[in-house]
């Protein structure tokens, strides 16, 4: 365990060998599962760890307190990496109440299926739990990155200036002075495992900026429209003074004790829509022998015949997929082209379609094209995927057998012009 401040401890675990998280995410730096113990008059535990590490987790807690003295177990988010040690924990915490957001009730019931005799408490935005000499305030932060996510803020009871009941349902956000620790679950975290437990703090962990950005891009980015409202709540909570959040203690990666608002402001920058003068179309293609490329370039010519549009053409086999997230997000229209090989779309275009699931593309206009030899399924498959992403396919896909003729290329230019006019 590692001490954050008086009576507040990190009791999480390190997993330096993890290389894939949630099946999908690369974790070359490993990760940590962060949990925090607050030794107040009523002891509280914030989040648990992945069940694979339960034994080590319980051992750390037992070195600090008697498990039966824990009053509250706070689950900021019900994903198993934060909650799956709960069943084992509850076997030894006979007096504990499990606390989660109102939205989390569905996840809680269907994940654990505990009997009704297990005490639980649902809390809403701005509600509080009094620990005697400390107070926990809950901040609703939906979709960062599950619907159930909430932040927990630790404040000293004496800083409030007025008495409160054990459960305060007034819903007001107060200006705090003393503890100033935010536990935001996955928000402001990253998959990065410091060399030792003692280096769990951001000023000791080394350079984790790449891990921090990768985490945002793959986990938070699809829901970044929810970042600014959450940060606004933090600003109000702090009385518009950034210094009043002294430590940000996320559920993965380093604890942010040095300049914690630097990381909050980075989220704000990444989540703020850029200002644009023109609408934008991007065209992705892949071509084995240049036939689909000819179609792509003719479509590009057609789109550029419409004024006041930015048009970018990319060979999907040559792009940096991470950078393409920004391009896709900024685009008003997206056109994708692939030849048909073995009755399927070529992999680079599938890769583009795959990253589009992590970007808000719902409602964007889209279309497909391609060359084929004898079957030609690729265009239809692309269109089906675009529709599954809830994009608006506004042109029937173009398909040409092998090398397009001059007449075919004229059709491509008309196709591009019509698409651009829709944008």
Protein backbone atom coordinates (compact mmCIF):
# COMPACT_ATOMS: atom_id res chain seq x y z
CA UNK A 1 0.00 0.00 0.00
CA UNK A 2 1.08 3.59 -0.63
CA UNK A 3 0.03 6.66 1.36
CA UNK A 4 -1.52 9.51 -0.66
CA UNK A 5 -2.29 11.78 2.29
CA UNK A 6 -3.13 11.30 5.94
CA UNK A 7 -5.57 8.37 6.23
CA UNK A 8 -5.80 7.85 2.45
CA UNK A 9 -3.98 4.88 0.87
CA UNK A 10 -3.53 3.24 -2.51
CA UNK A 11 -4.25 -0.47 -2.06
CA UNK A 12 -4.28 -1.42 -5.72
CA UNK A 13 -2.17 -3.91 -7.65
CA UNK A 14 0.28 -3.79 -10.54
CA UNK A 15 0.00 -5.90 -13.68
CA UNK A 16 3.19 -5.17 -15.65
CA UNK A 17 2.80 -8.21 -17.92
CA UNK A 18 -0.62 -7.35 -19.40
CA UNK A 19 -0.41 -6.87 -23.17
CA UNK A 20 -4.09 -6.83 -24.15
CA UNK A 21 -6.94 -5.21 -22.24
CA UNK A 22 -10.59 -6.00 -22.95
CA UNK A 23 -9.36 -8.21 -25.82
CA UNK A 24 -9.03 -5.09 -27.99
CA UNK A 25 -6.51 -2.64 -26.54
CA UNK A 26 -2.74 -2.91 -26.72
CA UNK A 27 -1.10 -2.42 -23.32
CA UNK A 28 2.66 -2.42 -24.00
CA UNK A 29 3.27 -0.71 -20.65
CA UNK A 30 1.07 -3.06 -18.61
CA UNK A 31 -1.46 -1.52 -16.26
CA UNK A 32 -2.50 -1.04 -12.66
CA UNK A 33 -5.82 -1.65 -10.97
CA UNK A 34 -6.13 1.19 -8.48
CA UNK A 35 -8.19 0.99 -5.32
CA UNK A 36 -8.14 3.43 -2.43
CA UNK A 37 -8.78 3.06 1.30
CA UNK A 38 -9.96 6.00 3.40
CA UNK A 39 -9.39 5.52 7.15
CA UNK A 40 -12.08 7.87 8.41
CA UNK A 41 -14.33 7.31 11.42
CA UNK A 42 -16.35 5.22 9.00
CA UNK A 43 -13.89 3.40 6.75
CA UNK A 44 -14.51 3.52 3.00
CA UNK A 45 -12.96 1.64 0.10
CA UNK A 46 -13.12 3.14 -3.39
CA UNK A 47 -13.25 0.53 -6.17
CA UNK A 48 -11.80 -2.98 -6.06
CA UNK A 49 -9.45 -4.77 -8.47
CA UNK A 50 -9.62 -7.49 -11.08
CA UNK A 51 -10.48 -10.78 -9.36
CA UNK A 52 -7.23 -12.37 -10.56
CA UNK A 53 -5.45 -10.21 -7.96
CA UNK A 54 -7.95 -10.56 -5.10
CA UNK A 55 -5.59 -12.29 -2.69
CA UNK A 56 -2.91 -9.59 -2.93
CA UNK A 57 -5.60 -6.90 -2.77
CA UNK A 58 -7.17 -8.22 0.44
CA UNK A 59 -3.76 -8.65 2.04
CA UNK A 60 -2.99 -4.95 1.51
CA UNK A 61 -6.28 -3.84 3.02
CA UNK A 62 -5.83 -6.14 6.02
CA UNK A 63 -2.45 -4.56 6.72
CA UNK A 64 -4.27 -1.28 7.34
CA UNK A 65 -7.69 -2.12 8.81
CA UNK A 66 -9.88 -4.94 10.02
CA UNK A 67 -12.06 -5.81 7.03
CA UNK A 68 -15.13 -6.02 9.23
CA UNK A 69 -14.68 -2.35 10.09
CA UNK A 70 -15.22 -1.22 6.48
CA UNK A 71 -18.51 0.66 6.29
CA UNK A 72 -18.73 1.56 2.59
CA UNK A 73 -17.43 0.02 -0.64
CA UNK A 74 -17.75 2.61 -3.41
CA UNK A 75 -18.00 1.33 -6.99
CA UNK A 76 -17.47 4.26 -9.34
CA UNK A 77 -18.02 1.96 -12.31
CA UNK A 78 -19.10 -1.69 -12.54
CA UNK A 79 -16.70 -2.99 -15.19
CA UNK A 80 -15.02 -6.19 -13.85
CA UNK A 81 -11.52 -4.71 -13.72
CA UNK A 82 -12.84 -2.45 -10.96
CA UNK A 83 -15.48 -4.62 -9.33
CA UNK A 84 -14.82 -8.34 -9.73
CA UNK A 85 -13.10 -8.69 -6.35
CA UNK A 86 -16.33 -7.59 -4.68
CA UNK A 87 -17.80 -11.07 -3.97
CA UNK A 88 -14.64 -12.19 -2.17
CA UNK A 89 -14.41 -8.88 -0.35
CA UNK A 90 -18.00 -9.04 0.89
CA UNK A 91 -17.37 -12.45 2.46
CA UNK A 92 -15.08 -10.67 4.93
CA UNK A 93 -16.73 -7.26 5.19
CA UNK A 94 -19.89 -8.27 7.02
CA UNK A 95 -20.90 -4.68 7.85
CA UNK A 96 -20.21 -2.99 4.51
CA UNK A 97 -22.73 -1.25 2.27
CA UNK A 98 -22.02 -1.28 -1.46
CA UNK A 99 -22.47 2.18 -3.03
CA UNK A 100 -22.97 2.84 -6.74
CA UNK A 101 -24.68 5.30 -9.08
CA UNK A 102 -28.39 5.08 -9.81
CA UNK A 103 -27.60 4.08 -13.38
CA UNK A 104 -25.38 1.25 -12.14
CA UNK A 105 -28.20 -0.64 -10.45
CA UNK A 106 -28.92 -2.62 -13.62
CA UNK A 107 -25.25 -3.61 -13.99
CA UNK A 108 -24.91 -4.41 -10.29
CA UNK A 109 -27.92 -6.74 -10.20
CA UNK A 110 -27.07 -8.56 -13.41
CA UNK A 111 -23.36 -8.88 -12.77
CA UNK A 112 -23.37 -10.15 -9.19
CA UNK A 113 -26.90 -11.38 -8.51
CA UNK A 114 -26.37 -10.93 -4.78
CA UNK A 115 -29.26 -11.75 -2.44
CA UNK A 116 -31.30 -8.79 -1.20
CA UNK A 117 -29.67 -9.19 2.21
CA UNK A 118 -26.45 -7.60 0.89
CA UNK A 119 -26.75 -3.88 1.82
CA UNK A 120 -26.49 -1.49 -1.10
CA UNK A 121 -27.07 2.21 -1.67
CA UNK A 122 -27.75 4.13 -4.88
CA UNK A 123 -26.47 7.71 -5.03
CA UNK A 124 -27.11 10.54 -7.46
CA UNK A 125 -25.30 13.60 -8.71
CA UNK A 126 -24.21 15.87 -5.86
CA UNK A 127 -25.27 13.50 -3.09
CA UNK A 128 -22.93 12.76 -0.19
CA UNK A 129 -22.03 10.18 2.40
CA UNK A 130 -20.70 11.35 5.73
CA UNK A 131 -17.80 9.29 7.13
CA UNK A 132 -17.73 11.17 10.44
CA UNK A 133 -14.66 13.32 10.05
CA UNK A 134 -14.68 13.22 6.26
CA UNK A 135 -17.24 13.43 3.50
CA UNK A 136 -17.61 11.75 0.13
CA UNK A 137 -19.43 13.63 -2.60
CA UNK A 138 -20.57 11.88 -5.78
CA UNK A 139 -20.49 13.44 -9.24
CA UNK A 140 -22.41 11.84 -12.08
CA UNK A 141 -20.16 11.40 -15.13
CA UNK A 142 -22.12 9.17 -17.50
CA UNK A 143 -20.36 7.54 -20.45
CA UNK A 144 -16.86 8.23 -19.16
CA UNK A 145 -16.76 5.52 -20.20
CA UNK A 146 -19.87 3.47 -19.22
CA UNK A 147 -23.36 4.84 -18.55
CA UNK A 148 -22.92 4.09 -14.84
CA UNK A 149 -19.70 6.04 -14.23
CA UNK A 150 -19.48 8.49 -11.36
CA UNK A 151 -16.62 10.39 -9.72
CA UNK A 152 -16.09 10.42 -5.96
CA UNK A 153 -14.64 13.49 -4.23
CA UNK A 154 -13.13 13.34 -0.77
CA UNK A 155 -13.64 16.40 1.39
CA UNK A 156 -12.98 17.09 5.07
CA UNK A 157 -16.22 17.40 7.01
CA UNK A 158 -15.01 20.47 8.89
CA UNK A 159 -14.53 22.36 5.63
CA UNK A 160 -18.23 22.42 4.86
CA UNK A 161 -19.12 24.87 7.61
CA UNK A 162 -22.46 23.21 8.36
CA UNK A 163 -23.56 19.86 9.75
CA UNK A 164 -24.92 17.13 7.46
CA UNK A 165 -26.86 13.94 7.93
CA UNK A 166 -25.23 10.64 7.15
CA UNK A 167 -26.72 10.72 3.64
CA UNK A 168 -27.04 14.22 2.25
CA UNK A 169 -29.46 14.46 -0.67
CA UNK A 170 -29.43 18.22 -1.13
CA UNK A 171 -27.55 17.94 -4.40
CA UNK A 172 -25.54 21.15 -3.96
CA UNK A 173 -21.90 21.45 -5.01
CA UNK A 174 -19.82 23.06 -2.29
CA UNK A 175 -16.45 24.79 -2.23
CA UNK A 176 -13.89 22.55 -0.51
CA UNK A 177 -10.71 23.43 1.37
CA UNK A 178 -8.87 20.46 2.79
CA UNK A 179 -8.72 16.91 1.38
CA UNK A 180 -9.13 17.82 -2.28
CA UNK A 181 -8.81 14.29 -3.72
CA UNK A 182 -10.83 13.28 -6.78
CA UNK A 183 -11.38 9.60 -7.59
CA UNK A 184 -12.63 9.71 -11.23
CA UNK A 185 -12.48 6.00 -12.06
CA UNK A 186 -11.32 5.52 -15.69
CA UNK A 187 -11.30 9.21 -16.52
CA UNK A 188 -7.81 10.81 -16.52
CA UNK A 189 -6.24 7.33 -16.22
CA UNK A 190 -4.14 5.17 -18.52
CA UNK A 191 -2.78 1.67 -18.93
CA UNK A 192 0.71 2.23 -17.56
CA UNK A 193 2.45 0.24 -14.85
CA UNK A 194 5.27 2.02 -13.00
CA UNK A 195 8.40 0.04 -12.19
CA UNK A 196 7.50 -0.21 -8.50
CA UNK A 197 4.54 0.58 -6.29
CA UNK A 198 6.46 3.48 -4.80
CA UNK A 199 6.51 5.12 -8.25
CA UNK A 200 2.73 5.12 -8.59
CA UNK A 201 2.69 8.96 -8.59
CA UNK A 202 2.93 10.88 -11.86
CA UNK A 203 6.05 12.77 -10.76
CA UNK A 204 7.86 9.45 -10.17
CA UNK A 205 6.40 7.15 -12.83
CA UNK A 206 8.40 8.39 -15.81
CA UNK A 207 7.01 9.44 -19.18
CA UNK A 208 3.52 7.99 -19.63
CA UNK A 209 2.23 10.61 -22.08
CA UNK A 210 1.86 8.11 -24.94
CA UNK A 211 -0.14 5.75 -22.72
CA UNK A 212 -2.29 8.66 -21.53
CA UNK A 213 -3.14 9.77 -25.07
CA UNK A 214 -3.71 6.20 -26.31
CA UNK A 215 -6.12 5.58 -23.43
CA UNK A 216 -8.11 8.69 -24.23
CA UNK A 217 -8.22 7.86 -27.95
CA UNK A 218 -9.48 4.32 -27.49
CA UNK A 219 -11.63 4.48 -24.36
CA UNK A 220 -12.82 8.04 -23.73
CA UNK A 221 -12.84 9.51 -27.22
CA UNK A 222 -16.06 7.84 -28.45
CA UNK A 223 -17.83 9.65 -25.59
CA UNK A 224 -15.83 12.87 -25.51
CA UNK A 225 -18.98 14.97 -25.81
CA UNK A 226 -19.48 14.07 -22.13
CA UNK A 227 -16.04 15.32 -21.06
CA UNK A 228 -16.78 19.05 -21.04
CA UNK A 229 -19.95 18.75 -18.89
CA UNK A 230 -18.02 16.60 -16.41
CA UNK A 231 -15.15 19.10 -16.24
CA UNK A 232 -17.66 21.90 -15.73
CA UNK A 233 -18.93 20.04 -12.66
CA UNK A 234 -15.36 19.76 -11.36
CA UNK A 235 -14.85 23.48 -11.89
CA UNK A 236 -17.99 24.25 -9.93
CA UNK A 237 -16.94 21.80 -7.25
CA UNK A 238 -13.63 23.58 -6.93
CA UNK A 239 -15.22 27.00 -6.74
CA UNK A 240 -13.53 27.86 -10.06
CA UNK A 241 -10.12 27.36 -8.46
CA UNK A 242 -8.11 24.57 -10.04
CA UNK A 243 -5.84 24.28 -7.00
CA UNK A 244 -8.72 22.98 -4.92
CA UNK A 245 -8.33 19.56 -6.54
CA UNK A 246 -4.98 18.60 -5.13
CA UNK A 247 -4.81 14.97 -6.25
CA UNK A 248 -6.56 13.06 -9.03
CA UNK A 249 -6.53 9.34 -8.30
CA UNK A 250 -7.83 7.37 -11.31
CA UNK A 251 -8.49 3.64 -11.48
CA UNK A 252 -5.62 2.87 -13.89
CA UNK A 253 -2.09 4.21 -14.12
CA UNK A 254 -0.27 6.92 -12.17
CA UNK A 255 -1.89 8.98 -9.43
CA UNK A 256 -1.81 12.62 -10.52
CA UNK A 257 -0.46 14.64 -7.62
CA UNK A 258 1.79 17.05 -9.53
CA UNK A 259 -0.18 19.60 -11.59
CA UNK A 260 -3.29 17.39 -11.84
CA UNK A 261 -5.24 19.98 -13.83
CA UNK A 262 -2.70 19.64 -16.62
CA UNK A 263 -4.34 16.31 -17.42
CA UNK A 264 -7.87 17.66 -17.07
CA UNK A 265 -7.01 20.50 -19.46
CA UNK A 266 -5.57 17.99 -21.92
CA UNK A 267 -8.93 16.22 -21.94
CA UNK A 268 -10.64 19.55 -22.52
CA UNK A 269 -8.35 20.29 -25.48
CA UNK A 270 -8.94 16.86 -27.04
CA UNK A 271 -12.69 17.12 -26.49
CA UNK A 272 -13.30 20.64 -27.79
CA UNK A 273 -14.56 20.66 -31.41
CA UNK A 274 -12.28 22.65 -33.72
CA UNK A 275 -13.56 25.65 -35.62
CA UNK A 276 -13.89 25.09 -39.37
CA UNK A 277 -14.53 27.34 -42.35
CA UNK A 278 -15.32 24.58 -44.85
CA UNK A 279 -17.13 21.28 -44.86
CA UNK A 280 -14.97 18.26 -45.52
CA UNK A 281 -15.04 15.04 -47.53
CA UNK A 282 -12.49 12.24 -47.19
CA UNK A 283 -12.07 9.40 -49.65
CA UNK A 284 -10.31 6.17 -48.64
CA UNK A 285 -9.38 3.54 -51.18
CA UNK A 286 -7.15 0.53 -51.62
CA UNK A 287 -6.14 -0.75 -55.05
CA UNK A 288 -4.21 -3.85 -56.09
CA UNK A 289 -3.58 -3.00 -59.78
CA UNK A 290 -4.69 0.61 -60.05
CA UNK A 291 -8.27 0.02 -61.17
CA UNK A 292 -10.01 1.08 -57.96
CA UNK A 293 -7.48 3.91 -57.71
CA UNK A 294 -8.68 5.30 -61.06
CA UNK A 295 -12.24 5.27 -59.74
CA UNK A 296 -11.15 7.01 -56.53
CA UNK A 297 -9.30 9.80 -58.34
CA UNK A 298 -12.21 10.43 -60.69
CA UNK A 299 -14.61 10.64 -57.73
CA UNK A 300 -12.17 13.10 -56.13
CA UNK A 301 -12.28 15.26 -59.27
CA UNK A 302 -16.06 15.30 -59.11
CA UNK A 303 -16.16 16.33 -55.45
CA UNK A 304 -13.66 19.12 -56.07
CA UNK A 305 -15.91 20.60 -58.75
CA UNK A 306 -18.20 21.75 -55.94
CA UNK A 307 -16.94 24.97 -54.32
CA UNK A 308 -16.17 25.65 -50.67
CA UNK A 309 -15.33 22.05 -49.78
CA UNK A 310 -12.13 20.48 -48.49
CA UNK A 311 -11.48 17.07 -50.07
CA UNK A 312 -8.75 14.65 -48.98
CA UNK A 313 -7.91 11.39 -50.79
CA UNK A 314 -6.06 8.61 -48.94
CA UNK A 315 -4.64 5.24 -49.91
CA UNK A 316 -5.88 3.27 -46.90
CA UNK A 317 -2.92 0.90 -47.07
CA UNK A 318 -0.51 3.78 -46.38
CA UNK A 319 -2.20 5.77 -43.61
CA UNK A 320 -1.55 6.03 -39.88
CA UNK A 321 -4.81 4.71 -38.46
CA UNK A 322 -4.46 6.67 -35.22
CA UNK A 323 -4.20 9.96 -37.14
CA UNK A 324 -7.17 8.99 -39.29
CA UNK A 325 -9.46 9.14 -36.25
CA UNK A 326 -9.13 12.94 -36.34
CA UNK A 327 -9.74 13.03 -40.09
CA UNK A 328 -12.84 10.86 -39.81
CA UNK A 329 -14.22 12.86 -36.93
CA UNK A 330 -13.83 16.15 -38.77
CA UNK A 331 -15.33 14.87 -42.01
CA UNK A 332 -18.89 15.61 -43.06
CA UNK A 333 -18.81 12.91 -45.72
CA UNK A 334 -16.79 9.72 -46.13
CA UNK A 335 -16.41 7.62 -49.29
CA UNK A 336 -14.68 4.22 -49.19
CA UNK A 337 -13.48 2.06 -52.07
CA UNK A 338 -12.16 -1.48 -52.31
CA UNK A 339 -11.73 -4.15 -54.95
CA UNK A 340 -13.40 -7.47 -54.24
CA UNK A 341 -10.97 -10.25 -53.35
CA UNK A 342 -12.28 -13.70 -52.39
CA UNK A 343 -15.73 -12.18 -52.09
CA UNK A 344 -14.65 -9.66 -49.46
CA UNK A 345 -13.38 -6.14 -48.75
CA UNK A 346 -9.60 -5.68 -48.59
CA UNK A 347 -8.24 -5.46 -45.02
CA UNK A 348 -7.07 -1.79 -45.02
CA UNK A 349 -10.64 -0.67 -45.67
CA UNK A 350 -11.95 -3.00 -42.95
CA UNK A 351 -9.36 -1.38 -40.67
CA UNK A 352 -10.75 2.07 -41.48
CA UNK A 353 -14.28 0.83 -40.83
CA UNK A 354 -13.11 -0.70 -37.53
CA UNK A 355 -11.68 2.55 -36.14
CA UNK A 356 -14.85 4.38 -37.17
CA UNK A 357 -16.63 2.57 -34.34
CA UNK A 358 -14.50 4.57 -31.88
CA UNK A 359 -15.39 7.91 -33.49
CA UNK A 360 -18.76 9.63 -33.56
CA UNK A 361 -19.87 9.02 -37.16
CA UNK A 362 -23.63 8.66 -36.68
CA UNK A 363 -25.45 10.76 -39.27
CA UNK A 364 -22.40 11.46 -41.44
CA UNK A 365 -22.99 10.98 -45.16
CA UNK A 366 -21.22 8.06 -46.80
CA UNK A 367 -20.85 6.03 -50.00
CA UNK A 368 -18.86 3.10 -51.44
CA UNK A 369 -17.18 2.10 -54.70
CA UNK A 370 -14.84 -0.49 -56.16
CA UNK A 371 -13.57 -2.57 -59.04
CA UNK A 372 -14.16 -6.31 -59.25
CA UNK A 373 -13.53 -9.33 -61.46
CA UNK A 374 -16.42 -11.76 -61.22
CA UNK A 375 -18.40 -11.38 -57.98
CA UNK A 376 -18.18 -7.80 -56.64
CA UNK A 377 -19.42 -8.16 -53.05
CA UNK A 378 -17.07 -5.52 -51.57
CA UNK A 379 -19.24 -2.47 -52.30
CA UNK A 380 -22.33 -4.04 -50.77
CA UNK A 381 -20.38 -5.15 -47.68
CA UNK A 382 -18.98 -1.64 -47.17
CA UNK A 383 -22.46 -0.14 -47.47
CA UNK A 384 -23.86 -2.61 -44.95
CA UNK A 385 -21.17 -1.64 -42.45
CA UNK A 386 -21.73 2.08 -43.02
CA UNK A 387 -25.43 1.62 -42.34
CA UNK A 388 -24.66 -0.43 -39.21
CA UNK A 389 -22.62 2.56 -38.01
CA UNK A 390 -25.81 4.64 -38.52
CA UNK A 391 -24.25 6.65 -41.30
CA UNK A 392 -26.40 7.98 -44.14
CA UNK A 393 -25.52 6.21 -47.40
CA UNK A 394 -26.62 8.76 -49.99
CA UNK A 395 -25.38 7.30 -53.27
CA UNK A 396 -25.83 3.76 -54.61
CA UNK A 397 -22.39 2.21 -54.68
CA UNK A 398 -20.34 2.29 -57.88
CA UNK A 399 -19.01 -1.03 -59.20
CA UNK A 400 -17.03 -1.57 -62.40
CA UNK A 401 -15.67 -4.82 -63.80
CA UNK A 402 -11.88 -4.70 -63.93
CA UNK A 403 -10.61 -1.53 -65.66
CA UNK A 404 -13.18 1.32 -65.80
CA UNK A 405 -13.79 2.83 -69.24
CA UNK A 406 -13.73 6.55 -70.01
CA UNK A 407 -17.52 6.48 -69.80
CA UNK A 408 -17.28 4.78 -66.39
CA UNK A 409 -14.89 7.46 -65.16
CA UNK A 410 -17.35 10.15 -66.25
CA UNK A 411 -19.93 8.39 -64.08
CA UNK A 412 -17.41 8.51 -61.22
CA UNK A 413 -16.99 12.26 -61.59
CA UNK A 414 -20.77 12.70 -61.58
CA UNK A 415 -20.95 10.44 -58.52
CA UNK A 416 -18.41 12.62 -56.69
CA UNK A 417 -20.16 15.85 -57.72
CA UNK A 418 -23.55 14.59 -56.55
CA UNK A 419 -22.10 13.42 -53.24
CA UNK A 420 -20.40 16.76 -52.68
CA UNK A 421 -23.62 18.62 -53.48
CA UNK A 422 -25.37 16.63 -50.74
CA UNK A 423 -22.67 17.72 -48.29
